[in-house]
Amino acid sequence: MLKSNGLLLASLLPRVFARARRMETGLAARGYTGRLDFISVEKPASRIRLLVIGMILLVFYVLSRWIG
């Protein structure tokens, strides 16, 4: 059992390292620096926006009760 696990590891390890090398090369070619940068589109929740969202949810609730 130990021999078969050793053979399995010996056959998989070079493939894993080769794939990691290819992935690292591909990411570097695309400008990956190790960070994921996102564009922040945060907007403060105004009272009007919250009121509109609440009204929409209320309409959906009333419609679901009326239909079902």
Protein backbone atom coordinates (compact mmCIF):
# COMPACT_ATOMS: atom_id res chain seq x y z
CA MET A 1 0.00 0.00 0.00
CA LEU A 2 2.79 2.41 0.88
CA LYS A 3 4.57 1.60 -2.38
CA SER A 4 1.45 2.25 -4.46
CA ASN A 5 0.84 5.59 -2.69
CA GLY A 6 4.46 6.54 -3.28
CA LEU A 7 4.18 5.69 -6.97
CA LEU A 8 0.98 7.69 -7.24
CA LEU A 9 2.60 10.70 -5.61
CA ALA A 10 5.71 10.34 -7.76
CA SER A 11 3.61 10.36 -10.93
CA LEU A 12 1.34 13.24 -9.91
CA LEU A 13 3.84 15.63 -8.34
CA PRO A 14 5.68 16.60 -11.57
CA ARG A 15 2.36 17.18 -13.33
CA VAL A 16 1.13 19.39 -10.50
CA PHE A 17 4.29 21.49 -10.56
CA ALA A 18 4.20 21.78 -14.36
CA ARG A 19 0.59 22.94 -14.28
CA ALA A 20 1.36 25.45 -11.53
CA ARG A 21 4.26 26.81 -13.59
CA ARG A 22 2.05 27.17 -16.69
CA MET A 23 -0.66 28.87 -14.64
CA GLU A 24 1.84 31.27 -13.09
CA THR A 25 3.25 32.14 -16.51
CA GLY A 26 -0.21 32.71 -17.95
CA LEU A 27 -1.29 34.91 -15.05
CA ALA A 28 1.93 36.94 -15.24
CA ALA A 29 1.36 37.46 -18.97
CA ARG A 30 -2.05 38.92 -18.15
CA GLY A 31 -0.63 41.29 -15.57
CA TYR A 32 -1.70 39.48 -12.42
CA THR A 33 0.18 40.85 -9.43
CA GLY A 34 -1.32 38.73 -6.68
CA ARG A 35 -4.12 41.14 -5.81
CA LEU A 36 -7.71 41.23 -6.97
CA ASP A 37 -8.69 44.84 -7.53
CA PHE A 38 -12.34 45.77 -7.80
CA ILE A 39 -13.98 49.02 -8.75
CA SER A 40 -15.93 50.19 -5.76
CA VAL A 41 -19.39 51.48 -6.61
CA GLU A 42 -20.67 52.14 -3.15
CA LYS A 43 -23.52 54.58 -2.82
CA PRO A 44 -24.91 55.69 0.48
CA ALA A 45 -28.39 54.39 1.23
CA SER A 46 -30.63 57.42 1.14
CA ARG A 47 -34.03 57.47 2.77
CA ILE A 48 -35.76 57.81 -0.58
CA ARG A 49 -33.95 54.80 -2.01
CA LEU A 50 -34.84 52.71 1.03
CA LEU A 51 -38.45 53.87 0.80
CA VAL A 52 -38.64 52.91 -2.90
CA ILE A 53 -37.15 49.47 -2.21
CA GLY A 54 -39.57 48.96 0.67
CA MET A 55 -42.53 49.96 -1.48
CA ILE A 56 -41.49 47.59 -4.25
CA LEU A 57 -41.15 44.74 -1.76
CA LEU A 58 -44.55 45.60 -0.30
CA VAL A 59 -46.15 45.57 -3.76
CA PHE A 60 -44.62 42.14 -4.48
CA TYR A 61 -45.83 40.83 -1.13
CA VAL A 62 -49.38 42.09 -1.68
CA LEU A 63 -49.43 40.69 -5.23
CA SER A 64 -48.20 37.29 -4.04
CA ARG A 65 -50.92 37.18 -1.37
CA TRP A 66 -53.57 38.32 -3.85
CA ILE A 67 -52.59 35.81 -6.56
CA GLY A 68 -51.79 32.84 -4.31
